[in-house]
Amino acid sequence: MTAASNGRVALVTGSSRGIGRAIALGLADAGFDLVLNDLARQSEALAEVKSAIEMRGRQAVVVYADVSRKAEVTAMVADAIAAVGHIDAVVNNAGILISNAVDDLEEEQWDSVLDVNAKGTFLVVQALLPHMRARRYGRIVNIASIGGKHGAQMQAHYSASKAAVMGFTRVLAQEVGADGITANCLCPGIIVTDMGRTNLSDAANVAKWEGITALRRLGQPEDVAGPAVFLASDASAFVTGQSLNVCGGIVLS
C-alpha cells in the first residue's frame, strides 16, 4: 500500500515497538512522514519500523536519544529538523514501568520512571516549541494512561508520572493555543505490549481485565493508533487540553 503524502511530518518517541510502533505506522498510513526515536540499543527494531514505513510510500529518519537527558533531546530535535525540514506533530510515547509497592519503592526507581515519563515529555515539548511557534502550527500528543486517573497497586510512581503528564498538558494547551498549537493526551488502558503484560501476569488477571472492560477484550497497540492520528491531524484542530481514554470502557468519563 502506498499512502499519499499529506505534507506533514511527525516525531514519535519510543517508536521501536508496542504502542509507539503502531502509532508510527498509523501516521504513515495517514500520509505523514516520520521521525523515529528510541534508545540506540533499539536500533535493529527501529530499522524494521523505518522499512515498514518506507514500504507504505512514506519517508522515515531515525534519531537516537534518551528523552530524560536534555542535551540528547536538544540534539535529537536539531538533527530531526535538519534532516526533514520541519516537524508538525509530536507523539511523546517513550515511557517505562517498574512495578513495586510504595513500602519497597527505591528512590532510583521513582526517579527513573518520573524522569522518562514526565520529564522526558516536558523536555521534548520544550525543545520543539520554538520551531512550532515560528511556524504557528503544531500538534502535541502526549501518551498518559488511565493509571494516571485512577491509579494501580504497585504502580504509584508510574501513576504519578502519568498524572503529571496530564496536568502538564492542560497548562501547555493554555500557553500555546494562541500560536496555533494544540496539546492533548491519550490515556491507554490495558494494551497487550511488553509493558502492558505487567498487568497480565496470569490467566486470572487477563480474565479480570477483560471482565471489567466494556468491550470485553484487551487492547492492541493498533487500537491506540487511530486516536493518535486524529489528534496529530487537522481533524482535531478545535480539540486541545483533553485527556482521551483509549481503554475499551474501563474508565467511563
C-alpha atoms as a PDB file:
ATOM      1  CA  MET A   1       0.000   0.000   0.000  1.00  0.00           C
ATOM      2  CA  THR A   2       1.274   3.474  -0.874  1.00  0.00           C
ATOM      3  CA  ALA A   3      -0.006   6.339   1.266  1.00  0.00           C
ATOM      4  CA  ALA A   4      -0.478   9.729  -0.350  1.00  0.00           C
ATOM      5  CA  SER A   5       1.543  12.425   1.381  1.00  0.00           C
ATOM      6  CA  ASN A   6      -0.329  14.975   3.470  1.00  0.00           C
ATOM      7  CA  GLY A   7       2.785  17.160   3.652  1.00  0.00           C
ATOM      8  CA  ARG A   8       3.126  16.647   7.402  1.00  0.00           C
ATOM      9  CA  VAL A   9       5.995  15.229   9.450  1.00  0.00           C
ATOM     10  CA  ALA A  10       5.567  13.624  12.869  1.00  0.00           C
ATOM     11  CA  LEU A  11       8.125  12.727  15.521  1.00  0.00           C
ATOM     12  CA  VAL A  12       7.264   9.664  17.615  1.00  0.00           C
ATOM     13  CA  THR A  13       9.400   8.915  20.656  1.00  0.00           C
ATOM     14  CA  GLY A  14       9.797   5.339  21.833  1.00  0.00           C
ATOM     15  CA  SER A  15       8.717   4.117  18.419  1.00  0.00           C
ATOM     16  CA  SER A  16      10.675   0.862  18.170  1.00  0.00           C
ATOM     17  CA  ARG A  17       7.880  -1.360  19.466  1.00  0.00           C
ATOM     18  CA  GLY A  18       4.436  -1.552  21.061  1.00  0.00           C
ATOM     19  CA  ILE A  19       2.208   1.490  21.028  1.00  0.00           C
ATOM     20  CA  GLY A  20       4.904   3.761  19.590  1.00  0.00           C
ATOM     21  CA  ARG A  21       5.485   1.456  16.637  1.00  0.00           C
ATOM     22  CA  ALA A  22       1.754   1.143  15.955  1.00  0.00           C
ATOM     23  CA  ILE A  23       1.302   4.921  16.083  1.00  0.00           C
ATOM     24  CA  ALA A  24       4.222   5.493  13.719  1.00  0.00           C
ATOM     25  CA  LEU A  25       2.773   3.050  11.199  1.00  0.00           C
ATOM     26  CA  GLY A  26      -0.704   4.538  11.618  1.00  0.00           C
ATOM     27  CA  LEU A  27       0.645   8.006  10.917  1.00  0.00           C
ATOM     28  CA  ALA A  28       2.426   6.708   7.822  1.00  0.00           C
ATOM     29  CA  ASP A  29      -0.846   5.172   6.617  1.00  0.00           C
ATOM     30  CA  ALA A  30      -2.426   8.614   7.077  1.00  0.00           C
ATOM     31  CA  GLY A  31       0.205  10.269   4.872  1.00  0.00           C
ATOM     32  CA  PHE A  32       2.728  11.507   7.441  1.00  0.00           C
ATOM     33  CA  ASP A  33       6.474  11.215   7.019  1.00  0.00           C
ATOM     34  CA  LEU A  34       8.119  10.100  10.246  1.00  0.00           C
ATOM     35  CA  VAL A  35      10.989  10.862  12.560  1.00  0.00           C
ATOM     36  CA  LEU A  36      11.519   7.750  14.677  1.00  0.00           C
ATOM     37  CA  ASN A  37      13.147   7.954  18.094  1.00  0.00           C
ATOM     38  CA  ASP A  38      14.313   5.465  20.679  1.00  0.00           C
ATOM     39  CA  LEU A  39      17.462   4.458  22.517  1.00  0.00           C
ATOM     40  CA  ALA A  40      20.441   3.368  20.433  1.00  0.00           C
ATOM     41  CA  ARG A  41      20.103  -0.183  21.719  1.00  0.00           C
ATOM     42  CA  GLN A  42      16.787  -0.384  19.843  1.00  0.00           C
ATOM     43  CA  SER A  43      18.489   0.297  16.505  1.00  0.00           C
ATOM     44  CA  GLU A  44      17.537  -3.024  14.929  1.00  0.00           C
ATOM     45  CA  ALA A  45      13.861  -2.665  15.848  1.00  0.00           C
ATOM     46  CA  LEU A  46      13.817   0.956  14.666  1.00  0.00           C
ATOM     47  CA  ALA A  47      15.324  -0.092  11.346  1.00  0.00           C
ATOM     48  CA  GLU A  48      12.435  -2.527  10.905  1.00  0.00           C
ATOM     49  CA  VAL A  49       9.880   0.200  11.625  1.00  0.00           C
ATOM     50  CA  LYS A  50      11.645   2.528   9.189  1.00  0.00           C
ATOM     51  CA  SER A  51      11.496  -0.148   6.489  1.00  0.00           C
ATOM     52  CA  ALA A  52       7.786  -0.748   7.140  1.00  0.00           C
ATOM     53  CA  ILE A  53       7.078   2.974   6.765  1.00  0.00           C
ATOM     54  CA  GLU A  54       9.046   3.196   3.528  1.00  0.00           C
ATOM     55  CA  MET A  55       7.103   0.226   2.171  1.00  0.00           C
ATOM     56  CA  ARG A  56       3.997   2.348   2.735  1.00  0.00           C
ATOM     57  CA  GLY A  57       5.425   5.004   0.439  1.00  0.00           C
ATOM     58  CA  ARG A  58       6.417   7.443   3.164  1.00  0.00           C
ATOM     59  CA  GLN A  59       9.805   8.665   4.344  1.00  0.00           C
ATOM     60  CA  ALA A  60      11.349   7.970   7.748  1.00  0.00           C
ATOM     61  CA  VAL A  61      14.505   9.013   9.535  1.00  0.00           C
ATOM     62  CA  VAL A  62      15.884   7.643  12.799  1.00  0.00           C
ATOM     63  CA  VAL A  63      17.192   9.793  15.647  1.00  0.00           C
ATOM     64  CA  TYR A  64      18.511   8.289  18.866  1.00  0.00           C
ATOM     65  CA  ALA A  65      18.107   9.944  22.260  1.00  0.00           C
ATOM     66  CA  ASP A  66      17.328   9.241  25.885  1.00  0.00           C
ATOM     67  CA  VAL A  67      14.397  11.614  26.375  1.00  0.00           C
ATOM     68  CA  SER A  68      15.243  12.072  30.051  1.00  0.00           C
ATOM     69  CA  ARG A  69      18.504  13.842  29.120  1.00  0.00           C
ATOM     70  CA  LYS A  70      18.143  17.427  27.958  1.00  0.00           C
ATOM     71  CA  ALA A  71      21.336  17.579  25.877  1.00  0.00           C
ATOM     72  CA  GLU A  72      20.324  14.461  23.956  1.00  0.00           C
ATOM     73  CA  VAL A  73      16.805  15.781  23.368  1.00  0.00           C
ATOM     74  CA  THR A  74      18.103  19.133  22.133  1.00  0.00           C
ATOM     75  CA  ALA A  75      20.445  17.384  19.707  1.00  0.00           C
ATOM     76  CA  MET A  76      17.687  14.997  18.582  1.00  0.00           C
ATOM     77  CA  VAL A  77      15.296  17.804  17.697  1.00  0.00           C
ATOM     78  CA  ALA A  78      18.012  19.789  15.903  1.00  0.00           C
ATOM     79  CA  ASP A  79      19.079  16.714  13.916  1.00  0.00           C
ATOM     80  CA  ALA A  80      15.477  15.862  13.050  1.00  0.00           C
ATOM     81  CA  ILE A  81      14.670  19.335  11.753  1.00  0.00           C
ATOM     82  CA  ALA A  82      17.915  19.415   9.778  1.00  0.00           C
ATOM     83  CA  ALA A  83      17.019  16.080   8.190  1.00  0.00           C
ATOM     84  CA  VAL A  84      13.336  16.658   7.370  1.00  0.00           C
ATOM     85  CA  GLY A  85      12.938  20.445   7.348  1.00  0.00           C
ATOM     86  CA  HIS A  86      10.058  20.744   9.798  1.00  0.00           C
ATOM     87  CA  ILE A  87       8.076  18.838  12.409  1.00  0.00           C
ATOM     88  CA  ASP A  88       4.324  19.329  12.506  1.00  0.00           C
ATOM     89  CA  ALA A  89       3.370  16.827  15.185  1.00  0.00           C
ATOM     90  CA  VAL A  90       4.998  15.029  18.064  1.00  0.00           C
ATOM     91  CA  VAL A  91       3.779  11.957  19.889  1.00  0.00           C
ATOM     92  CA  ASN A  92       5.520  11.662  23.252  1.00  0.00           C
ATOM     93  CA  ASN A  93       5.240   7.925  23.719  1.00  0.00           C
ATOM     94  CA  ALA A  94       8.556   6.961  25.341  1.00  0.00           C
ATOM     95  CA  GLY A  95       7.864   5.504  28.762  1.00  0.00           C
ATOM     96  CA  ILE A  96       8.905   2.903  31.309  1.00  0.00           C
ATOM     97  CA  LEU A  97       7.213   0.967  34.114  1.00  0.00           C
ATOM     98  CA  ILE A  98       8.943  -0.641  37.093  1.00  0.00           C
ATOM     99  CA  SER A  99       6.388  -2.208  39.431  1.00  0.00           C
ATOM    100  CA  ASN A 100       6.936  -2.004  43.181  1.00  0.00           C
ATOM    101  CA  ALA A 101       4.925  -1.322  46.322  1.00  0.00           C
ATOM    102  CA  VAL A 102       5.258   2.075  47.978  1.00  0.00           C
ATOM    103  CA  ASP A 103       6.901   0.496  51.049  1.00  0.00           C
ATOM    104  CA  ASP A 104       9.630  -1.026  48.911  1.00  0.00           C
ATOM    105  CA  LEU A 105       9.915   1.619  46.208  1.00  0.00           C
ATOM    106  CA  GLU A 106      13.500   2.730  45.797  1.00  0.00           C
ATOM    107  CA  GLU A 107      14.377   6.355  45.167  1.00  0.00           C
ATOM    108  CA  GLU A 108      16.159   5.362  41.965  1.00  0.00           C
ATOM    109  CA  GLN A 109      13.022   3.609  40.694  1.00  0.00           C
ATOM    110  CA  TRP A 110      10.888   6.668  41.405  1.00  0.00           C
ATOM    111  CA  ASP A 111      13.414   8.930  39.693  1.00  0.00           C
ATOM    112  CA  SER A 112      13.813   6.695  36.631  1.00  0.00           C
ATOM    113  CA  VAL A 113      10.086   6.460  35.946  1.00  0.00           C
ATOM    114  CA  LEU A 114       9.394  10.155  36.537  1.00  0.00           C
ATOM    115  CA  ASP A 115      12.449  11.184  34.517  1.00  0.00           C
ATOM    116  CA  VAL A 116      11.420   9.273  31.392  1.00  0.00           C
ATOM    117  CA  ASN A 117       7.633   9.543  31.561  1.00  0.00           C
ATOM    118  CA  ALA A 118       7.131  13.072  32.875  1.00  0.00           C
ATOM    119  CA  LYS A 119      10.401  14.976  32.438  1.00  0.00           C
ATOM    120  CA  GLY A 120      11.005  13.351  29.061  1.00  0.00           C
ATOM    121  CA  THR A 121       7.665  14.608  27.770  1.00  0.00           C
ATOM    122  CA  PHE A 122       8.447  18.096  29.041  1.00  0.00           C
ATOM    123  CA  LEU A 123      11.948  18.166  27.538  1.00  0.00           C
ATOM    124  CA  VAL A 124      10.802  17.076  24.069  1.00  0.00           C
ATOM    125  CA  VAL A 125       7.971  19.607  24.053  1.00  0.00           C
ATOM    126  CA  GLN A 126      10.223  22.406  25.280  1.00  0.00           C
ATOM    127  CA  ALA A 127      12.787  21.661  22.568  1.00  0.00           C
ATOM    128  CA  LEU A 128      10.135  21.690  19.832  1.00  0.00           C
ATOM    129  CA  LEU A 129       8.136  24.735  20.908  1.00  0.00           C
ATOM    130  CA  PRO A 130      10.340  27.437  19.309  1.00  0.00           C
ATOM    131  CA  HIS A 131      10.098  25.607  15.970  1.00  0.00           C
ATOM    132  CA  MET A 132       6.329  25.136  16.213  1.00  0.00           C
ATOM    133  CA  ARG A 133       5.761  28.703  17.389  1.00  0.00           C
ATOM    134  CA  ALA A 134       7.798  30.083  14.496  1.00  0.00           C
ATOM    135  CA  ARG A 135       5.611  28.141  12.054  1.00  0.00           C
ATOM    136  CA  ARG A 136       2.423  28.908  14.053  1.00  0.00           C
ATOM    137  CA  TYR A 137       1.410  25.277  13.834  1.00  0.00           C
ATOM    138  CA  GLY A 138       1.824  22.183  15.954  1.00  0.00           C
ATOM    139  CA  ARG A 139       0.091  19.074  17.232  1.00  0.00           C
ATOM    140  CA  ILE A 140       1.374  17.734  20.544  1.00  0.00           C
ATOM    141  CA  VAL A 141       0.112  14.303  21.596  1.00  0.00           C
ATOM    142  CA  ASN A 142       1.296  13.050  24.975  1.00  0.00           C
ATOM    143  CA  ILE A 143       0.756   9.432  25.940  1.00  0.00           C
ATOM    144  CA  ALA A 144      -0.529   9.270  29.507  1.00  0.00           C
ATOM    145  CA  SER A 145      -2.522   6.346  30.953  1.00  0.00           C
ATOM    146  CA  ILE A 146      -5.764   5.550  32.723  1.00  0.00           C
ATOM    147  CA  GLY A 147      -3.377   4.736  35.567  1.00  0.00           C
ATOM    148  CA  GLY A 148      -2.828   8.469  35.876  1.00  0.00           C
ATOM    149  CA  LYS A 149      -6.555   8.884  36.534  1.00  0.00           C
ATOM    150  CA  HIS A 150      -7.385   6.078  38.972  1.00  0.00           C
ATOM    151  CA  GLY A 151      -4.017   4.542  39.860  1.00  0.00           C
ATOM    152  CA  ALA A 152      -2.987   0.927  40.190  1.00  0.00           C
ATOM    153  CA  GLN A 153      -1.399  -1.014  43.024  1.00  0.00           C
ATOM    154  CA  MET A 154       2.364  -1.474  42.703  1.00  0.00           C
ATOM    155  CA  GLN A 155       2.477   1.477  40.291  1.00  0.00           C
ATOM    156  CA  ALA A 156       2.384   4.610  42.455  1.00  0.00           C
ATOM    157  CA  HIS A 157       5.358   6.177  40.696  1.00  0.00           C
ATOM    158  CA  TYR A 158       4.025   5.266  37.231  1.00  0.00           C
ATOM    159  CA  SER A 159       0.575   6.636  38.060  1.00  0.00           C
ATOM    160  CA  ALA A 160       2.151   9.803  39.452  1.00  0.00           C
ATOM    161  CA  SER A 161       4.181  10.255  36.268  1.00  0.00           C
ATOM    162  CA  LYS A 162       1.136   9.902  34.033  1.00  0.00           C
ATOM    163  CA  ALA A 163      -0.946  12.237  36.196  1.00  0.00           C
ATOM    164  CA  ALA A 164       1.896  14.724  35.823  1.00  0.00           C
ATOM    165  CA  VAL A 165       1.762  14.382  32.036  1.00  0.00           C
ATOM    166  CA  MET A 166      -1.962  15.186  32.057  1.00  0.00           C
ATOM    167  CA  GLY A 167      -1.518  18.208  34.316  1.00  0.00           C
ATOM    168  CA  PHE A 168       1.374  19.452  32.205  1.00  0.00           C
ATOM    169  CA  THR A 169      -0.680  19.069  29.032  1.00  0.00           C
ATOM    170  CA  ARG A 170      -3.651  21.028  30.398  1.00  0.00           C
ATOM    171  CA  VAL A 171      -1.412  24.001  31.206  1.00  0.00           C
ATOM    172  CA  LEU A 172       0.561  23.635  27.983  1.00  0.00           C
ATOM    173  CA  ALA A 173      -2.626  23.821  25.917  1.00  0.00           C
ATOM    174  CA  GLN A 174      -3.462  27.169  27.519  1.00  0.00           C
ATOM    175  CA  GLU A 175       0.015  28.568  26.917  1.00  0.00           C
ATOM    176  CA  VAL A 176       0.419  27.593  23.256  1.00  0.00           C
ATOM    177  CA  GLY A 177      -3.091  27.789  21.833  1.00  0.00           C
ATOM    178  CA  ALA A 178      -2.688  31.341  20.554  1.00  0.00           C
ATOM    179  CA  ASP A 179       0.281  30.120  18.491  1.00  0.00           C
ATOM    180  CA  GLY A 180      -1.798  27.600  16.545  1.00  0.00           C
ATOM    181  CA  ILE A 181      -0.570  24.646  18.601  1.00  0.00           C
ATOM    182  CA  THR A 182      -2.795  22.040  20.237  1.00  0.00           C
ATOM    183  CA  ALA A 183      -1.800  19.741  23.098  1.00  0.00           C
ATOM    184  CA  ASN A 184      -3.706  16.650  24.142  1.00  0.00           C
ATOM    185  CA  CYS A 185      -3.235  13.346  25.955  1.00  0.00           C
ATOM    186  CA  LEU A 186      -4.175   9.796  25.156  1.00  0.00           C
ATOM    187  CA  CYS A 187      -4.813   7.527  28.126  1.00  0.00           C
ATOM    188  CA  PRO A 188      -4.483   3.895  27.070  1.00  0.00           C
ATOM    189  CA  GLY A 189      -5.946   1.139  29.209  1.00  0.00           C
ATOM    190  CA  ILE A 190      -4.689  -2.437  29.243  1.00  0.00           C
ATOM    191  CA  ILE A 191      -2.838  -2.799  25.964  1.00  0.00           C
ATOM    192  CA  VAL A 192      -1.077  -6.037  25.022  1.00  0.00           C
ATOM    193  CA  THR A 193       2.527  -4.849  24.818  1.00  0.00           C
ATOM    194  CA  ASP A 194       5.686  -5.768  26.693  1.00  0.00           C
ATOM    195  CA  MET A 195       4.838  -3.066  29.251  1.00  0.00           C
ATOM    196  CA  GLY A 196       1.125  -3.905  29.321  1.00  0.00           C
ATOM    197  CA  ARG A 197       1.894  -7.503  30.213  1.00  0.00           C
ATOM    198  CA  THR A 198       2.900  -6.220  33.663  1.00  0.00           C
ATOM    199  CA  ASN A 199      -0.845  -6.271  34.377  1.00  0.00           C
ATOM    200  CA  LEU A 200      -1.364  -9.636  32.658  1.00  0.00           C
ATOM    201  CA  SER A 201       0.801 -11.950  34.718  1.00  0.00           C
ATOM    202  CA  ASP A 202      -1.592 -14.915  34.565  1.00  0.00           C
ATOM    203  CA  ALA A 203      -4.912 -16.076  33.135  1.00  0.00           C
ATOM    204  CA  ALA A 204      -6.813 -14.783  36.157  1.00  0.00           C
ATOM    205  CA  ASN A 205      -5.507 -11.246  35.592  1.00  0.00           C
ATOM    206  CA  VAL A 206      -6.348 -11.428  31.889  1.00  0.00           C
ATOM    207  CA  ALA A 207      -9.880 -12.529  32.726  1.00  0.00           C
ATOM    208  CA  LYS A 208     -10.202  -9.775  35.329  1.00  0.00           C
ATOM    209  CA  TRP A 209      -9.291  -7.013  32.893  1.00  0.00           C
ATOM    210  CA  GLU A 210     -11.425  -8.457  30.125  1.00  0.00           C
ATOM    211  CA  GLY A 211     -14.344  -8.651  32.537  1.00  0.00           C
ATOM    212  CA  ILE A 212     -14.201  -5.010  33.639  1.00  0.00           C
ATOM    213  CA  THR A 213     -13.710  -3.664  30.106  1.00  0.00           C
ATOM    214  CA  ALA A 214     -16.982  -2.727  28.401  1.00  0.00           C
ATOM    215  CA  LEU A 215     -15.813  -4.198  25.095  1.00  0.00           C
ATOM    216  CA  ARG A 216     -14.793  -7.425  26.888  1.00  0.00           C
ATOM    217  CA  ARG A 217     -11.369  -7.576  25.319  1.00  0.00           C
ATOM    218  CA  LEU A 218      -7.866  -6.301  25.876  1.00  0.00           C
ATOM    219  CA  GLY A 219      -6.458  -3.528  23.712  1.00  0.00           C
ATOM    220  CA  GLN A 220      -3.934  -3.961  20.939  1.00  0.00           C
ATOM    221  CA  PRO A 221      -1.317  -1.314  20.053  1.00  0.00           C
ATOM    222  CA  GLU A 222      -3.228  -0.572  16.839  1.00  0.00           C
ATOM    223  CA  ASP A 223      -6.238   0.476  18.942  1.00  0.00           C
ATOM    224  CA  VAL A 224      -4.240   3.499  20.111  1.00  0.00           C
ATOM    225  CA  ALA A 225      -3.021   4.462  16.637  1.00  0.00           C
ATOM    226  CA  GLY A 226      -6.338   5.799  15.329  1.00  0.00           C
ATOM    227  CA  PRO A 227      -6.900   8.277  18.183  1.00  0.00           C
ATOM    228  CA  ALA A 228      -3.249   9.367  17.913  1.00  0.00           C
ATOM    229  CA  VAL A 229      -3.612  10.040  14.191  1.00  0.00           C
ATOM    230  CA  PHE A 230      -6.743  12.084  14.887  1.00  0.00           C
ATOM    231  CA  LEU A 231      -5.017  14.260  17.495  1.00  0.00           C
ATOM    232  CA  ALA A 232      -1.949  14.688  15.251  1.00  0.00           C
ATOM    233  CA  SER A 233      -4.061  15.806  12.288  1.00  0.00           C
ATOM    234  CA  ASP A 234      -6.049  18.834  11.211  1.00  0.00           C
ATOM    235  CA  ALA A 235      -9.232  16.905  12.023  1.00  0.00           C
ATOM    236  CA  SER A 236      -8.604  17.784  15.692  1.00  0.00           C
ATOM    237  CA  ALA A 237      -7.966  21.498  15.095  1.00  0.00           C
ATOM    238  CA  PHE A 238     -10.514  22.559  17.765  1.00  0.00           C
ATOM    239  CA  VAL A 239      -9.513  19.950  20.348  1.00  0.00           C
ATOM    240  CA  THR A 240      -6.924  20.896  22.954  1.00  0.00           C
ATOM    241  CA  GLY A 241      -6.171  20.316  26.615  1.00  0.00           C
ATOM    242  CA  GLN A 242      -8.010  16.992  26.615  1.00  0.00           C
ATOM    243  CA  SER A 243      -7.155  13.560  28.006  1.00  0.00           C
ATOM    244  CA  LEU A 244      -8.890  10.903  25.902  1.00  0.00           C
ATOM    245  CA  ASN A 245      -9.346   7.428  27.369  1.00  0.00           C
ATOM    246  CA  VAL A 246      -8.460   4.642  24.944  1.00  0.00           C
ATOM    247  CA  CYS A 247      -9.325   1.737  27.182  1.00  0.00           C
ATOM    248  CA  GLY A 248     -12.293  -0.132  25.753  1.00  0.00           C
ATOM    249  CA  GLY A 249     -14.517   1.197  28.519  1.00  0.00           C
ATOM    250  CA  ILE A 250     -12.633   0.692  31.789  1.00  0.00           C
ATOM    251  CA  VAL A 251     -12.747   4.376  32.685  1.00  0.00           C
ATOM    252  CA  LEU A 252     -16.028   5.956  31.628  1.00  0.00           C
ATOM    253  CA  SER A 253     -15.557   9.715  31.670  1.00  0.00           C
END
